[in-house]
């Protein structure tokens, strides 16, 4: 199962997110749930890094072998919020289709 944690501050602003684990729907390389989640996570990270924030405005940790990626924002703005919201739309669609393989949680930071 992939656990996705979204870190929000007290006002509901996204401060970051973490994807941990492989979905386990199929073998590595055949798992469409993992592929979909990976595409959402990597596209969001790359978009924030390339289009919105400067180096130093975020911390990123990634390990492709363990199915782990974490992005924490040191500053946020409308665009970072919009990109994370768009990612969450895709994740929620996948959760509806494949609830046994994805856990989505929110934590206040």
PDB file of N, CA and C in Angstrom:
ATOM      1  N   UNK A   1       0.843  -1.179   0.000  1.00  0.00           N
ATOM      2  CA  UNK A   1       0.000   0.000   0.000  1.00  0.00           C
ATOM      3  C   UNK A   1       0.891   1.246   0.000  1.00  0.00           C
ATOM      4  N   UNK A   2       0.472   2.231  -0.747  1.00  0.00           N
ATOM      5  CA  UNK A   2       1.149   3.527  -0.727  1.00  0.00           C
ATOM      6  C   UNK A   2       0.416   4.440   0.236  1.00  0.00           C
ATOM      7  N   UNK A   3       1.158   5.016   1.161  1.00  0.00           N
ATOM      8  CA  UNK A   3       0.597   5.993   2.083  1.00  0.00           C
ATOM      9  C   UNK A   3       1.041   7.373   1.628  1.00  0.00           C
ATOM     10  N   UNK A   4       0.084   8.247   1.434  1.00  0.00           N
ATOM     11  CA  UNK A   4       0.365   9.622   1.022  1.00  0.00           C
ATOM     12  C   UNK A   4      -0.072  10.519   2.166  1.00  0.00           C
ATOM     13  N   UNK A   5       0.862  11.317   2.652  1.00  0.00           N
ATOM     14  CA  UNK A   5       0.586  12.254   3.732  1.00  0.00           C
ATOM     15  C   UNK A   5       0.739  13.659   3.176  1.00  0.00           C
ATOM     16  N   UNK A   6      -0.271  14.486   3.400  1.00  0.00           N
ATOM     17  CA  UNK A   6      -0.223  15.891   3.028  1.00  0.00           C
ATOM     18  C   UNK A   6      -0.080  16.674   4.328  1.00  0.00           C
ATOM     19  N   UNK A   7       0.918  17.533   4.377  1.00  0.00           N
ATOM     20  CA  UNK A   7       1.193  18.340   5.565  1.00  0.00           C
ATOM     21  C   UNK A   7       0.607  19.736   5.364  1.00  0.00           C
ATOM     22  N   UNK A   8      -0.338  20.099   6.219  1.00  0.00           N
ATOM     23  CA  UNK A   8      -1.001  21.400   6.151  1.00  0.00           C
ATOM     24  C   UNK A   8      -0.770  22.161   7.450  1.00  0.00           C
ATOM     25  N   UNK A   9      -0.688  23.492   7.336  1.00  0.00           N
ATOM     26  CA  UNK A   9      -0.589  24.294   8.548  1.00  0.00           C
ATOM     27  C   UNK A   9      -1.987  24.522   9.118  1.00  0.00           C
ATOM     28  N   UNK A  10      -2.048  25.232  10.205  1.00  0.00           N
ATOM     29  CA  UNK A  10      -3.320  25.427  10.913  1.00  0.00           C
ATOM     30  C   UNK A  10      -4.361  26.141  10.052  1.00  0.00           C
ATOM     31  N   UNK A  11      -3.907  26.941   9.083  1.00  0.00           N
ATOM     32  CA  UNK A  11      -4.844  27.659   8.215  1.00  0.00           C
ATOM     33  C   UNK A  11      -5.252  26.848   6.986  1.00  0.00           C
ATOM     34  N   UNK A  12      -4.727  25.610   6.871  1.00  0.00           N
ATOM     35  CA  UNK A  12      -5.090  24.753   5.750  1.00  0.00           C
ATOM     36  C   UNK A  12      -4.184  24.886   4.543  1.00  0.00           C
ATOM     37  N   UNK A  13      -3.113  25.665   4.657  1.00  0.00           N
ATOM     38  CA  UNK A  13      -2.163  25.822   3.552  1.00  0.00           C
ATOM     39  C   UNK A  13      -1.250  24.598   3.500  1.00  0.00           C
ATOM     40  N   UNK A  14      -1.086  24.040   2.310  1.00  0.00           N
ATOM     41  CA  UNK A  14      -0.209  22.882   2.135  1.00  0.00           C
ATOM     42  C   UNK A  14       1.243  23.294   2.351  1.00  0.00           C
ATOM     43  N   UNK A  15       1.918  22.565   3.213  1.00  0.00           N
ATOM     44  CA  UNK A  15       3.329  22.818   3.499  1.00  0.00           C
ATOM     45  C   UNK A  15       4.230  21.756   2.870  1.00  0.00           C
ATOM     46  N   UNK A  16       3.618  20.686   2.362  1.00  0.00           N
ATOM     47  CA  UNK A  16       4.395  19.631   1.733  1.00  0.00           C
ATOM     48  C   UNK A  16       3.606  18.341   1.662  1.00  0.00           C
ATOM     49  N   UNK A  17       4.292  17.305   1.175  1.00  0.00           N
ATOM     50  CA  UNK A  17       3.656  15.990   1.059  1.00  0.00           C
ATOM     51  C   UNK A  17       4.716  14.911   1.030  1.00  0.00           C
ATOM     52  N   UNK A  18       4.241  13.676   1.279  1.00  0.00           N
ATOM     53  CA  UNK A  18       5.119  12.515   1.323  1.00  0.00           C
ATOM     54  C   UNK A  18       4.380  11.313   0.737  1.00  0.00           C
ATOM     55  N   UNK A  19       5.047  10.585  -0.132  1.00  0.00           N
ATOM     56  CA  UNK A  19       4.546   9.326  -0.665  1.00  0.00           C
ATOM     57  C   UNK A  19       5.476   8.249  -0.132  1.00  0.00           C
ATOM     58  N   UNK A  20       4.911   7.183   0.437  1.00  0.00           N
ATOM     59  CA  UNK A  20       5.747   6.139   1.018  1.00  0.00           C
ATOM     60  C   UNK A  20       5.179   4.759   0.691  1.00  0.00           C
ATOM     61  N   UNK A  21       5.993   3.937   0.064  1.00  0.00           N
ATOM     62  CA  UNK A  21       5.633   2.554  -0.211  1.00  0.00           C
ATOM     63  C   UNK A  21       5.114   2.331  -1.611  1.00  0.00           C
ATOM     64  N   UNK A  22       5.127   1.074  -1.992  1.00  0.00           N
ATOM     65  CA  UNK A  22       4.607   0.662  -3.300  1.00  0.00           C
ATOM     66  C   UNK A  22       3.165   0.181  -3.135  1.00  0.00           C
ATOM     67  N   UNK A  23       2.347   0.458  -4.107  1.00  0.00           N
ATOM     68  CA  UNK A  23       0.922   0.116  -4.022  1.00  0.00           C
ATOM     69  C   UNK A  23       0.710  -1.388  -3.855  1.00  0.00           C
ATOM     70  N   UNK A  24       1.467  -2.186  -4.575  1.00  0.00           N
ATOM     71  CA  UNK A  24       1.345  -3.638  -4.440  1.00  0.00           C
ATOM     72  C   UNK A  24       0.200  -4.241  -5.217  1.00  0.00           C
ATOM     73  N   UNK A  25      -0.321  -3.533  -6.189  1.00  0.00           N
ATOM     74  CA  UNK A  25      -1.398  -4.084  -7.009  1.00  0.00           C
ATOM     75  C   UNK A  25      -0.878  -5.158  -7.973  1.00  0.00           C
ATOM     76  N   UNK A  26       0.342  -4.957  -8.448  1.00  0.00           N
ATOM     77  CA  UNK A  26       0.953  -5.889  -9.401  1.00  0.00           C
ATOM     78  C   UNK A  26       2.465  -5.864  -9.188  1.00  0.00           C
ATOM     79  N   UNK A  27       3.162  -6.673  -9.955  1.00  0.00           N
ATOM     80  CA  UNK A  27       4.620  -6.716  -9.888  1.00  0.00           C
ATOM     81  C   UNK A  27       5.213  -5.367 -10.282  1.00  0.00           C
ATOM     82  N   UNK A  28       6.416  -5.109  -9.799  1.00  0.00           N
ATOM     83  CA  UNK A  28       7.126  -3.879 -10.167  1.00  0.00           C
ATOM     84  C   UNK A  28       7.213  -3.780 -11.686  1.00  0.00           C
ATOM     85  N   UNK A  29       6.936  -2.615 -12.209  1.00  0.00           N
ATOM     86  CA  UNK A  29       6.937  -2.396 -13.647  1.00  0.00           C
ATOM     87  C   UNK A  29       5.602  -2.677 -14.307  1.00  0.00           C
ATOM     88  N   UNK A  30       4.693  -3.310 -13.590  1.00  0.00           N
ATOM     89  CA  UNK A  30       3.371  -3.646 -14.109  1.00  0.00           C
ATOM     90  C   UNK A  30       2.252  -2.977 -13.313  1.00  0.00           C
ATOM     91  N   UNK A  31       2.604  -2.294 -12.246  1.00  0.00           N
ATOM     92  CA  UNK A  31       1.628  -1.754 -11.302  1.00  0.00           C
ATOM     93  C   UNK A  31       1.130  -0.386 -11.765  1.00  0.00           C
ATOM     94  N   UNK A  32      -0.097  -0.349 -12.281  1.00  0.00           N
ATOM     95  CA  UNK A  32      -0.633   0.910 -12.813  1.00  0.00           C
ATOM     96  C   UNK A  32      -0.958   1.916 -11.705  1.00  0.00           C
ATOM     97  N   UNK A  33      -1.252   1.426 -10.501  1.00  0.00           N
ATOM     98  CA  UNK A  33      -1.521   2.339  -9.389  1.00  0.00           C
ATOM     99  C   UNK A  33      -0.229   3.056  -9.006  1.00  0.00           C
ATOM    100  N   UNK A  34       0.853   2.297  -8.867  1.00  0.00           N
ATOM    101  CA  UNK A  34       2.155   2.906  -8.557  1.00  0.00           C
ATOM    102  C   UNK A  34       2.577   3.882  -9.656  1.00  0.00           C
ATOM    103  N   UNK A  35       2.365   3.490 -10.885  1.00  0.00           N
ATOM    104  CA  UNK A  35       2.748   4.350 -12.006  1.00  0.00           C
ATOM    105  C   UNK A  35       1.970   5.663 -11.976  1.00  0.00           C
ATOM    106  N   UNK A  36       0.672   5.576 -11.723  1.00  0.00           N
ATOM    107  CA  UNK A  36      -0.150   6.784 -11.662  1.00  0.00           C
ATOM    108  C   UNK A  36       0.254   7.686 -10.513  1.00  0.00           C
ATOM    109  N   UNK A  37       0.475   7.107  -9.343  1.00  0.00           N
ATOM    110  CA  UNK A  37       0.887   7.908  -8.188  1.00  0.00           C
ATOM    111  C   UNK A  37       2.261   8.522  -8.409  1.00  0.00           C
ATOM    112  N   UNK A  38       3.175   7.754  -8.973  1.00  0.00           N
ATOM    113  CA  UNK A  38       4.519   8.277  -9.249  1.00  0.00           C
ATOM    114  C   UNK A  38       4.464   9.444 -10.215  1.00  0.00           C
ATOM    115  N   UNK A  39       3.652   9.310 -11.252  1.00  0.00           N
ATOM    116  CA  UNK A  39       3.527  10.400 -12.231  1.00  0.00           C
ATOM    117  C   UNK A  39       2.982  11.662 -11.570  1.00  0.00           C
ATOM    118  N   UNK A  40       1.986  11.518 -10.717  1.00  0.00           N
ATOM    119  CA  UNK A  40       1.425  12.680 -10.021  1.00  0.00           C
ATOM    120  C   UNK A  40       2.460  13.325  -9.105  1.00  0.00           C
ATOM    121  N   UNK A  41       3.163  12.512  -8.332  1.00  0.00           N
ATOM    122  CA  UNK A  41       4.148  13.046  -7.385  1.00  0.00           C
ATOM    123  C   UNK A  41       5.301  13.732  -8.107  1.00  0.00           C
ATOM    124  N   UNK A  42       5.872  13.060  -9.083  1.00  0.00           N
ATOM    125  CA  UNK A  42       7.054  13.594  -9.770  1.00  0.00           C
ATOM    126  C   UNK A  42       6.698  14.833 -10.586  1.00  0.00           C
ATOM    127  N   UNK A  43       5.547  14.831 -11.233  1.00  0.00           N
ATOM    128  CA  UNK A  43       5.133  16.009 -11.989  1.00  0.00           C
ATOM    129  C   UNK A  43       4.919  17.199 -11.061  1.00  0.00           C
ATOM    130  N   UNK A  44       4.334  16.963  -9.899  1.00  0.00           N
ATOM    131  CA  UNK A  44       4.110  18.058  -8.950  1.00  0.00           C
ATOM    132  C   UNK A  44       5.430  18.599  -8.420  1.00  0.00           C
ATOM    133  N   UNK A  45       6.333  17.714  -8.024  1.00  0.00           N
ATOM    134  CA  UNK A  45       7.647  18.147  -7.533  1.00  0.00           C
ATOM    135  C   UNK A  45       8.383  18.928  -8.618  1.00  0.00           C
ATOM    136  N   UNK A  46       8.443  18.371  -9.824  1.00  0.00           N
ATOM    137  CA  UNK A  46       9.158  19.041 -10.916  1.00  0.00           C
ATOM    138  C   UNK A  46       8.533  20.391 -11.254  1.00  0.00           C
ATOM    139  N   UNK A  47       7.211  20.483 -11.224  1.00  0.00           N
ATOM    140  CA  UNK A  47       6.528  21.740 -11.527  1.00  0.00           C
ATOM    141  C   UNK A  47       6.833  22.801 -10.474  1.00  0.00           C
ATOM    142  N   UNK A  48       6.797  22.407  -9.217  1.00  0.00           N
ATOM    143  CA  UNK A  48       7.102  23.358  -8.148  1.00  0.00           C
ATOM    144  C   UNK A  48       8.557  23.811  -8.256  1.00  0.00           C
ATOM    145  N   UNK A  49       9.472  22.862  -8.480  1.00  0.00           N
ATOM    146  CA  UNK A  49      10.892  23.193  -8.572  1.00  0.00           C
ATOM    147  C   UNK A  49      11.219  24.035  -9.801  1.00  0.00           C
ATOM    148  N   UNK A  50      10.645  23.713 -10.928  1.00  0.00           N
ATOM    149  CA  UNK A  50      11.011  24.363 -12.190  1.00  0.00           C
ATOM    150  C   UNK A  50      10.224  25.629 -12.490  1.00  0.00           C
ATOM    151  N   UNK A  51       8.982  25.674 -12.051  1.00  0.00           N
ATOM    152  CA  UNK A  51       8.107  26.766 -12.475  1.00  0.00           C
ATOM    153  C   UNK A  51       7.772  27.777 -11.384  1.00  0.00           C
ATOM    154  N   UNK A  52       7.898  27.373 -10.120  1.00  0.00           N
ATOM    155  CA  UNK A  52       7.348  28.223  -9.062  1.00  0.00           C
ATOM    156  C   UNK A  52       8.391  28.706  -8.055  1.00  0.00           C
ATOM    157  N   UNK A  53       9.136  27.807  -7.472  1.00  0.00           N
ATOM    158  CA  UNK A  53      10.049  28.180  -6.392  1.00  0.00           C
ATOM    159  C   UNK A  53      11.503  28.129  -6.848  1.00  0.00           C
ATOM    160  N   UNK A  54      12.339  28.773  -6.079  1.00  0.00           N
ATOM    161  CA  UNK A  54      13.785  28.752  -6.322  1.00  0.00           C
ATOM    162  C   UNK A  54      14.434  27.728  -5.406  1.00  0.00           C
ATOM    163  N   UNK A  55      15.625  27.262  -5.802  1.00  0.00           N
ATOM    164  CA  UNK A  55      16.360  26.341  -4.951  1.00  0.00           C
ATOM    165  C   UNK A  55      16.547  26.995  -3.589  1.00  0.00           C
ATOM    166  N   UNK A  56      16.342  26.233  -2.549  1.00  0.00           N
ATOM    167  CA  UNK A  56      16.413  26.763  -1.198  1.00  0.00           C
ATOM    168  C   UNK A  56      15.054  27.060  -0.603  1.00  0.00           C
ATOM    169  N   UNK A  57      14.015  27.103  -1.455  1.00  0.00           N
ATOM    170  CA  UNK A  57      12.657  27.357  -0.975  1.00  0.00           C
ATOM    171  C   UNK A  57      11.925  26.065  -0.610  1.00  0.00           C
ATOM    172  N   UNK A  58      12.594  24.926  -0.755  1.00  0.00           N
ATOM    173  CA  UNK A  58      11.982  23.625  -0.483  1.00  0.00           C
ATOM    174  C   UNK A  58      13.072  22.630  -0.118  1.00  0.00           C
ATOM    175  N   UNK A  59      12.661  21.548   0.524  1.00  0.00           N
ATOM    176  CA  UNK A  59      13.527  20.408   0.799  1.00  0.00           C
ATOM    177  C   UNK A  59      12.907  19.197   0.135  1.00  0.00           C
ATOM    178  N   UNK A  60      13.714  18.434  -0.579  1.00  0.00           N
ATOM    179  CA  UNK A  60      13.224  17.244  -1.281  1.00  0.00           C
ATOM    180  C   UNK A  60      14.070  16.050  -0.894  1.00  0.00           C
ATOM    181  N   UNK A  61      13.404  14.930  -0.675  1.00  0.00           N
ATOM    182  CA  UNK A  61      14.066  13.665  -0.407  1.00  0.00           C
ATOM    183  C   UNK A  61      13.369  12.623  -1.251  1.00  0.00           C
ATOM    184  N   UNK A  62      14.147  11.813  -1.978  1.00  0.00           N
ATOM    185  CA  UNK A  62      13.550  10.862  -2.905  1.00  0.00           C
ATOM    186  C   UNK A  62      14.367   9.581  -2.933  1.00  0.00           C
ATOM    187  N   UNK A  63      13.678   8.446  -2.988  1.00  0.00           N
ATOM    188  CA  UNK A  63      14.323   7.148  -3.145  1.00  0.00           C
ATOM    189  C   UNK A  63      13.430   6.277  -4.017  1.00  0.00           C
ATOM    190  N   UNK A  64      13.844   6.041  -5.251  1.00  0.00           N
ATOM    191  CA  UNK A  64      13.010   5.271  -6.173  1.00  0.00           C
ATOM    192  C   UNK A  64      12.905   3.802  -5.768  1.00  0.00           C
ATOM    193  N   UNK A  65      13.913   3.257  -5.113  1.00  0.00           N
ATOM    194  CA  UNK A  65      13.865   1.847  -4.713  1.00  0.00           C
ATOM    195  C   UNK A  65      12.805   1.588  -3.654  1.00  0.00           C
ATOM    196  N   UNK A  66      12.641   2.520  -2.730  1.00  0.00           N
ATOM    197  CA  UNK A  66      11.693   2.295  -1.640  1.00  0.00           C
ATOM    198  C   UNK A  66      10.319   2.892  -1.921  1.00  0.00           C
ATOM    199  N   UNK A  67      10.162   3.569  -3.050  1.00  0.00           N
ATOM    200  CA  UNK A  67       8.883   4.210  -3.343  1.00  0.00           C
ATOM    201  C   UNK A  67       8.617   5.394  -2.441  1.00  0.00           C
ATOM    202  N   UNK A  68       9.667   6.152  -2.145  1.00  0.00           N
ATOM    203  CA  UNK A  68       9.551   7.263  -1.195  1.00  0.00           C
ATOM    204  C   UNK A  68       9.899   8.581  -1.870  1.00  0.00           C
ATOM    205  N   UNK A  69       9.043   9.578  -1.637  1.00  0.00           N
ATOM    206  CA  UNK A  69       9.341  10.942  -2.055  1.00  0.00           C
ATOM    207  C   UNK A  69       8.694  11.886  -1.051  1.00  0.00           C
ATOM    208  N   UNK A  70       9.437  12.923  -0.697  1.00  0.00           N
ATOM    209  CA  UNK A  70       8.940  13.911   0.261  1.00  0.00           C
ATOM    210  C   UNK A  70       9.368  15.287  -0.226  1.00  0.00           C
ATOM    211  N   UNK A  71       8.430  16.214  -0.229  1.00  0.00           N
ATOM    212  CA  UNK A  71       8.704  17.603  -0.569  1.00  0.00           C
ATOM    213  C   UNK A  71       8.118  18.473   0.536  1.00  0.00           C
ATOM    214  N   UNK A  72       8.969  19.267   1.167  1.00  0.00           N
ATOM    215  CA  UNK A  72       8.522  20.209   2.190  1.00  0.00           C
ATOM    216  C   UNK A  72       8.869  21.608   1.721  1.00  0.00           C
ATOM    217  N   UNK A  73       7.896  22.487   1.796  1.00  0.00           N
ATOM    218  CA  UNK A  73       8.053  23.853   1.313  1.00  0.00           C
ATOM    219  C   UNK A  73       8.510  24.759   2.446  1.00  0.00           C
ATOM    220  N   UNK A  74       9.507  25.582   2.171  1.00  0.00           N
ATOM    221  CA  UNK A  74       9.950  26.578   3.146  1.00  0.00           C
ATOM    222  C   UNK A  74       9.140  27.856   2.993  1.00  0.00           C
ATOM    223  N   UNK A  75       8.546  28.023   1.814  1.00  0.00           N
ATOM    224  CA  UNK A  75       7.603  29.119   1.594  1.00  0.00           C
ATOM    225  C   UNK A  75       6.557  28.627   0.606  1.00  0.00           C
ATOM    226  N   UNK A  76       5.374  29.178   0.712  1.00  0.00           N
ATOM    227  CA  UNK A  76       4.290  28.785  -0.178  1.00  0.00           C
ATOM    228  C   UNK A  76       3.717  30.021  -0.846  1.00  0.00           C
ATOM    229  N   UNK A  77       2.980  29.774  -1.904  1.00  0.00           N
ATOM    230  CA  UNK A  77       2.261  30.857  -2.577  1.00  0.00           C
ATOM    231  C   UNK A  77       1.057  30.245  -3.296  1.00  0.00           C
ATOM    232  N   UNK A  78       0.326  31.052  -3.988  1.00  0.00           N
ATOM    233  CA  UNK A  78      -0.866  30.582  -4.696  1.00  0.00           C
ATOM    234  C   UNK A  78      -0.535  29.424  -5.636  1.00  0.00           C
ATOM    235  N   UNK A  79       0.576  29.527  -6.350  1.00  0.00           N
ATOM    236  CA  UNK A  79       0.930  28.500  -7.329  1.00  0.00           C
ATOM    237  C   UNK A  79       1.278  27.159  -6.682  1.00  0.00           C
ATOM    238  N   UNK A  80       2.008  27.182  -5.557  1.00  0.00           N
ATOM    239  CA  UNK A  80       2.317  25.915  -4.892  1.00  0.00           C
ATOM    240  C   UNK A  80       1.041  25.252  -4.393  1.00  0.00           C
ATOM    241  N   UNK A  81       0.123  26.072  -3.869  1.00  0.00           N
ATOM    242  CA  UNK A  81      -1.144  25.533  -3.378  1.00  0.00           C
ATOM    243  C   UNK A  81      -1.949  24.922  -4.526  1.00  0.00           C
ATOM    244  N   UNK A  82      -1.985  25.614  -5.641  1.00  0.00           N
ATOM    245  CA  UNK A  82      -2.730  25.135  -6.807  1.00  0.00           C
ATOM    246  C   UNK A  82      -2.148  23.823  -7.348  1.00  0.00           C
ATOM    247  N   UNK A  83      -0.832  23.734  -7.423  1.00  0.00           N
ATOM    248  CA  UNK A  83      -0.207  22.507  -7.922  1.00  0.00           C
ATOM    249  C   UNK A  83      -0.464  21.320  -6.995  1.00  0.00           C
ATOM    250  N   UNK A  84      -0.382  21.543  -5.702  1.00  0.00           N
ATOM    251  CA  UNK A  84      -0.658  20.447  -4.759  1.00  0.00           C
ATOM    252  C   UNK A  84      -2.139  20.085  -4.793  1.00  0.00           C
ATOM    253  N   UNK A  85      -3.016  21.074  -4.907  1.00  0.00           N
ATOM    254  CA  UNK A  85      -4.448  20.778  -5.037  1.00  0.00           C
ATOM    255  C   UNK A  85      -4.724  19.941  -6.293  1.00  0.00           C
ATOM    256  N   UNK A  86      -4.069  20.264  -7.393  1.00  0.00           N
ATOM    257  CA  UNK A  86      -4.250  19.497  -8.634  1.00  0.00           C
ATOM    258  C   UNK A  86      -3.764  18.062  -8.440  1.00  0.00           C
ATOM    259  N   UNK A  87      -2.625  17.890  -7.764  1.00  0.00           N
ATOM    260  CA  UNK A  87      -2.123  16.551  -7.470  1.00  0.00           C
ATOM    261  C   UNK A  87      -3.147  15.781  -6.637  1.00  0.00           C
ATOM    262  N   UNK A  88      -3.726  16.446  -5.642  1.00  0.00           N
ATOM    263  CA  UNK A  88      -4.706  15.791  -4.774  1.00  0.00           C
ATOM    264  C   UNK A  88      -5.970  15.378  -5.519  1.00  0.00           C
ATOM    265  N   UNK A  89      -6.362  16.142  -6.523  1.00  0.00           N
ATOM    266  CA  UNK A  89      -7.502  15.724  -7.359  1.00  0.00           C
ATOM    267  C   UNK A  89      -7.224  14.374  -8.006  1.00  0.00           C
ATOM    268  N   UNK A  90      -6.040  14.240  -8.575  1.00  0.00           N
ATOM    269  CA  UNK A  90      -5.660  12.974  -9.204  1.00  0.00           C
ATOM    270  C   UNK A  90      -5.568  11.836  -8.207  1.00  0.00           C
ATOM    271  N   UNK A  91      -4.991  12.118  -7.037  1.00  0.00           N
ATOM    272  CA  UNK A  91      -4.872  11.082  -6.007  1.00  0.00           C
ATOM    273  C   UNK A  91      -6.250  10.625  -5.550  1.00  0.00           C
ATOM    274  N   UNK A  92      -7.141  11.558  -5.312  1.00  0.00           N
ATOM    275  CA  UNK A  92      -8.494  11.180  -4.850  1.00  0.00           C
ATOM    276  C   UNK A  92      -9.229  10.337  -5.882  1.00  0.00           C
ATOM    277  N   UNK A  93      -9.018  10.629  -7.160  1.00  0.00           N
ATOM    278  CA  UNK A  93      -9.602   9.785  -8.211  1.00  0.00           C
ATOM    279  C   UNK A  93      -9.054   8.367  -8.133  1.00  0.00           C
ATOM    280  N   UNK A  94      -7.752   8.241  -7.930  1.00  0.00           N
ATOM    281  CA  UNK A  94      -7.149   6.914  -7.816  1.00  0.00           C
ATOM    282  C   UNK A  94      -7.612   6.189  -6.554  1.00  0.00           C
ATOM    283  N   UNK A  95      -7.775   6.915  -5.462  1.00  0.00           N
ATOM    284  CA  UNK A  95      -8.270   6.310  -4.217  1.00  0.00           C
ATOM    285  C   UNK A  95      -9.667   5.738  -4.423  1.00  0.00           C
ATOM    286  N   UNK A  96     -10.525   6.467  -5.159  1.00  0.00           N
ATOM    287  CA  UNK A  96     -11.882   5.963  -5.430  1.00  0.00           C
ATOM    288  C   UNK A  96     -11.836   4.667  -6.251  1.00  0.00           C
ATOM    289  N   UNK A  97     -10.926   4.590  -7.194  1.00  0.00           N
ATOM    290  CA  UNK A  97     -10.828   3.406  -8.057  1.00  0.00           C
ATOM    291  C   UNK A  97     -10.082   2.244  -7.401  1.00  0.00           C
ATOM    292  N   UNK A  98      -9.082   2.550  -6.569  1.00  0.00           N
ATOM    293  CA  UNK A  98      -8.204   1.518  -6.009  1.00  0.00           C
ATOM    294  C   UNK A  98      -8.000   1.728  -4.507  1.00  0.00           C
ATOM    295  N   UNK A  99      -9.071   1.690  -3.723  1.00  0.00           N
ATOM    296  CA  UNK A  99      -8.961   2.016  -2.300  1.00  0.00           C
ATOM    297  C   UNK A  99      -8.096   1.036  -1.495  1.00  0.00           C
ATOM    298  N   UNK A 100      -7.911  -0.183  -1.954  1.00  0.00           N
ATOM    299  CA  UNK A 100      -7.106  -1.164  -1.222  1.00  0.00           C
ATOM    300  C   UNK A 100      -5.616  -0.866  -1.297  1.00  0.00           C
ATOM    301  N   UNK A 101      -5.213   0.004  -2.221  1.00  0.00           N
ATOM    302  CA  UNK A 101      -3.789   0.181  -2.495  1.00  0.00           C
ATOM    303  C   UNK A 101      -3.241   1.551  -2.116  1.00  0.00           C
ATOM    304  N   UNK A 102      -4.135   2.470  -1.700  1.00  0.00           N
ATOM    305  CA  UNK A 102      -3.707   3.840  -1.413  1.00  0.00           C
ATOM    306  C   UNK A 102      -4.363   4.327  -0.116  1.00  0.00           C
ATOM    307  N   UNK A 103      -3.549   4.951   0.714  1.00  0.00           N
ATOM    308  CA  UNK A 103      -4.061   5.584   1.927  1.00  0.00           C
ATOM    309  C   UNK A 103      -3.656   7.054   1.872  1.00  0.00           C
ATOM    310  N   UNK A 104      -4.623   7.950   1.948  1.00  0.00           N
ATOM    311  CA  UNK A 104      -4.386   9.384   1.912  1.00  0.00           C
ATOM    312  C   UNK A 104      -4.725   9.973   3.270  1.00  0.00           C
ATOM    313  N   UNK A 105      -3.740  10.622   3.883  1.00  0.00           N
ATOM    314  CA  UNK A 105      -3.969  11.224   5.195  1.00  0.00           C
ATOM    315  C   UNK A 105      -3.463  12.676   5.191  1.00  0.00           C
ATOM    316  N   UNK A 106      -3.973  13.438   6.116  1.00  0.00           N
ATOM    317  CA  UNK A 106      -3.569  14.834   6.277  1.00  0.00           C
ATOM    318  C   UNK A 106      -3.040  15.008   7.693  1.00  0.00           C
ATOM    319  N   UNK A 107      -1.916  15.726   7.809  1.00  0.00           N
ATOM    320  CA  UNK A 107      -1.340  16.013   9.115  1.00  0.00           C
ATOM    321  C   UNK A 107      -1.121  17.506   9.243  1.00  0.00           C
ATOM    322  N   UNK A 108      -1.421  18.012  10.411  1.00  0.00           N
ATOM    323  CA  UNK A 108      -1.174  19.424  10.681  1.00  0.00           C
ATOM    324  C   UNK A 108       0.258  19.604  11.160  1.00  0.00           C
ATOM    325  N   UNK A 109       0.936  20.582  10.578  1.00  0.00           N
ATOM    326  CA  UNK A 109       2.322  20.880  10.993  1.00  0.00           C
ATOM    327  C   UNK A 109       2.425  22.296  11.505  1.00  0.00           C
TER     328      UNK A 109
END
